[in-house]
Amino acid sequence: MKTTLGTLILLLLCNLAYCQSNKEIKLNKIKSITTFQNDKDESPSSAYKDAYEAYDKNGNTTLKIRYKKDGSVEKKETARFDKNQNKVEEFEYDGKNEVVTHKVFVYNAFQKKTEEREYSPAGELSKQTVFTYTPAGEKNTETVSDAKGNIVKLVEYKYNPRNLKTERTSTNKAKQVESIKKWAYEYY
């Protein structure tokens, strides 16, 4: 009975810790969190490691690992951050620890992301997204290009005089509108 209760408490604590914000992780000086899973109709002693996350001293997630039920790695992600807490690099690995994607992020002097480059496992540029901003600092456009520089998607944003987003229009490489999303606000 003590083992069952202890396992349940451990699982509850791990689950609560797994949902913590970066601020709470930094405040509590959490270095890593491991979560365990216990499926229905199984004894508490058959819990298996489900996930592991490691954090830097600022609460940024630097490593994420998802496990299969048999204990093998399903997926792994690593990230690197700059002195301003901006994610500057990210790697995603498969269960064989082979690179699936590699992303590099670039920021401007105002700490706004201006570029995201995605590389193939061979290290070749496969996709690039460039972000522009309004004078008020709101995202203006996202331009997605393929490896040859051909635009494959363009997303444009519109804002009202209060700098609240009012419209998001997405077009494809043929400059055909794929979707339009609109926001309407009511004020007191």
Protein backbone atom coordinates (compact mmCIF):
# COMPACT_ATOMS: atom_id res chain seq x y z
CA MET A 1 0.00 0.00 0.00
CA LYS A 2 2.85 2.37 0.87
CA THR A 3 4.48 1.66 -2.50
CA THR A 4 1.24 2.40 -4.36
CA LEU A 5 0.68 5.64 -2.45
CA GLY A 6 4.29 6.69 -2.89
CA THR A 7 4.18 6.04 -6.63
CA LEU A 8 0.94 8.01 -7.00
CA ILE A 9 2.40 10.97 -5.09
CA LEU A 10 5.57 10.85 -7.21
CA LEU A 11 3.51 10.79 -10.42
CA LEU A 12 1.36 13.70 -9.23
CA LEU A 13 4.38 15.81 -8.29
CA CYS A 14 6.11 15.11 -11.60
CA ASN A 15 2.96 16.00 -13.51
CA LEU A 16 2.55 19.26 -11.60
CA ALA A 17 6.20 20.19 -12.09
CA TYR A 18 5.99 19.39 -15.81
CA CYS A 19 3.40 22.16 -16.23
CA GLN A 20 5.46 24.88 -14.60
CA SER A 21 6.25 28.14 -16.37
CA ASN A 22 9.80 29.30 -17.11
CA LYS A 23 9.44 31.85 -14.32
CA GLU A 24 8.48 29.17 -11.78
CA ILE A 25 11.24 26.85 -12.99
CA LYS A 26 13.81 29.64 -12.56
CA LEU A 27 12.41 30.73 -9.18
CA ASN A 28 12.49 27.17 -7.83
CA LYS A 29 15.90 26.48 -9.39
CA ILE A 30 14.62 23.38 -11.20
CA LYS A 31 17.36 21.72 -13.22
CA SER A 32 15.27 18.95 -14.78
CA ILE A 33 11.90 17.21 -14.64
CA THR A 34 11.26 13.55 -15.35
CA THR A 35 7.70 12.35 -15.86
CA PHE A 36 6.51 8.80 -15.43
CA GLN A 37 3.46 7.20 -17.01
CA ASN A 38 1.26 4.46 -15.63
CA ASP A 39 -1.36 3.17 -18.04
CA LYS A 40 -4.82 1.96 -17.10
CA ASP A 41 -5.12 -1.53 -15.65
CA GLU A 42 -1.44 -1.75 -14.79
CA SER A 43 0.09 -1.94 -11.35
CA PRO A 44 1.75 1.25 -10.01
CA SER A 45 5.11 -0.52 -10.02
CA SER A 46 4.92 -0.81 -13.84
CA ALA A 47 5.22 2.95 -14.37
CA TYR A 48 7.68 3.85 -17.10
CA LYS A 49 9.66 6.96 -17.92
CA ASP A 50 7.57 9.06 -20.33
CA ALA A 51 9.55 12.30 -20.71
CA TYR A 52 12.55 14.26 -19.49
CA GLU A 53 13.16 18.00 -19.70
CA ALA A 54 16.31 19.89 -18.70
CA TYR A 55 16.50 23.65 -18.09
CA ASP A 56 19.16 26.33 -17.92
CA LYS A 57 19.41 28.72 -14.95
CA ASN A 58 16.92 31.09 -16.65
CA GLY A 59 14.20 28.44 -16.92
CA ASN A 60 14.65 27.88 -20.67
CA THR A 61 14.09 24.33 -21.89
CA THR A 62 17.42 23.12 -23.30
CA LEU A 63 16.56 19.44 -23.71
CA LYS A 64 13.32 17.48 -24.23
CA ILE A 65 13.18 13.73 -24.56
CA ARG A 66 10.03 11.67 -25.19
CA TYR A 67 10.28 7.95 -24.44
CA LYS A 68 8.43 4.95 -25.78
CA LYS A 69 6.83 2.52 -23.36
CA ASP A 70 9.78 0.14 -23.78
CA GLY A 71 12.17 2.86 -22.56
CA SER A 72 13.71 3.69 -25.92
CA VAL A 73 13.86 7.29 -27.12
CA GLU A 74 11.03 8.34 -29.41
CA LYS A 75 12.10 11.94 -30.02
CA LYS A 76 14.70 14.35 -28.68
CA GLU A 77 14.98 18.14 -29.00
CA THR A 78 17.80 20.42 -27.91
CA ALA A 79 17.85 24.22 -27.84
CA ARG A 80 20.41 26.96 -27.28
CA PHE A 81 19.61 30.49 -26.06
CA ASP A 82 21.45 33.81 -26.25
CA LYS A 83 22.11 36.24 -23.39
CA ASN A 84 18.67 37.82 -23.99
CA GLN A 85 16.87 34.47 -23.53
CA ASN A 86 16.08 34.22 -27.27
CA LYS A 87 16.16 30.72 -28.73
CA VAL A 88 18.93 30.88 -31.35
CA GLU A 89 19.27 27.24 -32.33
CA GLU A 90 17.18 24.08 -32.15
CA PHE A 91 17.85 20.48 -33.15
CA GLU A 92 15.27 17.70 -33.41
CA TYR A 93 16.44 14.08 -33.38
CA ASP A 94 14.64 10.82 -34.08
CA GLY A 95 14.81 7.71 -31.90
CA LYS A 96 18.14 6.72 -33.44
CA ASN A 97 19.66 10.09 -32.39
CA GLU A 98 19.88 11.22 -36.01
CA VAL A 99 19.12 14.86 -36.85
CA VAL A 100 15.64 15.36 -38.33
CA THR A 101 15.69 19.17 -38.43
CA HIS A 102 18.05 21.95 -37.45
CA LYS A 103 16.70 25.47 -37.02
CA VAL A 104 18.55 28.75 -36.56
CA PHE A 105 16.79 31.90 -35.32
CA VAL A 106 17.97 35.51 -35.83
CA TYR A 107 16.76 38.55 -33.83
CA ASN A 108 16.97 42.31 -34.32
CA ALA A 109 18.12 44.93 -31.78
CA PHE A 110 14.56 45.00 -30.35
CA GLN A 111 14.66 41.24 -29.63
CA LYS A 112 12.11 40.50 -32.36
CA LYS A 113 12.67 37.35 -34.43
CA THR A 114 13.58 38.46 -37.96
CA GLU A 115 14.57 35.16 -39.51
CA GLU A 116 14.14 31.43 -39.05
CA ARG A 117 16.22 29.03 -41.14
CA GLU A 118 15.49 25.33 -41.31
CA TYR A 119 18.15 22.89 -42.48
CA SER A 120 17.88 19.31 -43.73
CA PRO A 121 19.68 16.45 -41.96
CA ALA A 122 22.48 16.92 -44.53
CA GLY A 123 22.91 20.55 -43.39
CA GLU A 124 21.41 22.16 -46.49
CA LEU A 125 18.97 25.07 -46.21
CA SER A 126 15.46 23.71 -46.83
CA LYS A 127 13.23 26.59 -45.71
CA GLN A 128 13.65 30.19 -44.63
CA THR A 129 11.09 32.46 -42.97
CA VAL A 130 11.67 36.22 -42.79
CA PHE A 131 9.62 38.35 -40.39
CA THR A 132 9.00 42.11 -40.67
CA TYR A 133 7.44 44.42 -38.09
CA THR A 134 5.39 47.61 -38.00
CA PRO A 135 6.89 50.76 -36.44
CA ALA A 136 4.89 49.87 -33.30
CA GLY A 137 6.71 46.51 -33.12
CA GLU A 138 3.82 44.30 -34.26
CA LYS A 139 4.45 41.50 -36.74
CA ASN A 140 3.77 42.82 -40.26
CA THR A 141 4.68 39.90 -42.55
CA GLU A 142 6.04 36.35 -42.58
CA THR A 143 7.61 35.34 -45.88
CA VAL A 144 8.40 31.63 -46.25
CA SER A 145 10.85 30.65 -49.00
CA ASP A 146 12.18 27.31 -50.20
CA ALA A 147 15.87 26.43 -50.52
CA LYS A 148 16.11 28.25 -53.87
CA GLY A 149 14.62 31.48 -52.51
CA ASN A 150 11.20 30.99 -54.12
CA ILE A 151 8.36 32.34 -51.98
CA VAL A 152 6.03 29.49 -51.02
CA LYS A 153 3.87 31.34 -48.49
CA LEU A 154 3.21 34.92 -47.45
CA VAL A 155 1.35 35.90 -44.29
CA GLU A 156 0.32 39.53 -43.82
CA TYR A 157 -1.12 41.15 -40.70
CA LYS A 158 -3.28 44.24 -40.23
CA TYR A 159 -3.86 46.21 -37.03
CA ASN A 160 -6.32 48.80 -35.76
CA PRO A 161 -5.31 52.21 -34.31
CA ARG A 162 -4.86 50.54 -30.90
CA ASN A 163 -2.27 48.14 -32.41
CA LEU A 164 -4.59 45.17 -31.94
CA LYS A 165 -4.46 42.51 -34.67
CA THR A 166 -7.51 42.75 -36.96
CA GLU A 167 -6.61 40.51 -39.90
CA ARG A 168 -4.24 37.74 -40.94
CA THR A 169 -4.11 36.83 -44.64
CA SER A 170 -2.15 33.82 -45.91
CA THR A 171 -1.33 33.37 -49.60
CA ASN A 172 0.42 30.51 -51.39
CA LYS A 173 3.25 30.54 -53.96
CA ALA A 174 0.73 31.25 -56.75
CA LYS A 175 -0.34 34.34 -54.76
CA GLN A 176 -3.76 32.81 -54.17
CA VAL A 177 -5.39 33.51 -50.81
CA GLU A 178 -5.44 30.34 -48.71
CA SER A 179 -7.03 31.78 -45.59
CA ILE A 180 -8.16 35.00 -43.94
CA LYS A 181 -8.64 35.29 -40.21
CA LYS A 182 -10.24 38.40 -38.69
CA TRP A 183 -10.50 39.70 -35.15
CA ALA A 184 -13.28 42.01 -33.93
CA TYR A 185 -13.06 43.77 -30.58
CA GLU A 186 -15.65 45.16 -28.22
CA TYR A 187 -14.55 47.79 -25.73
CA TYR A 188 -15.93 49.00 -22.41
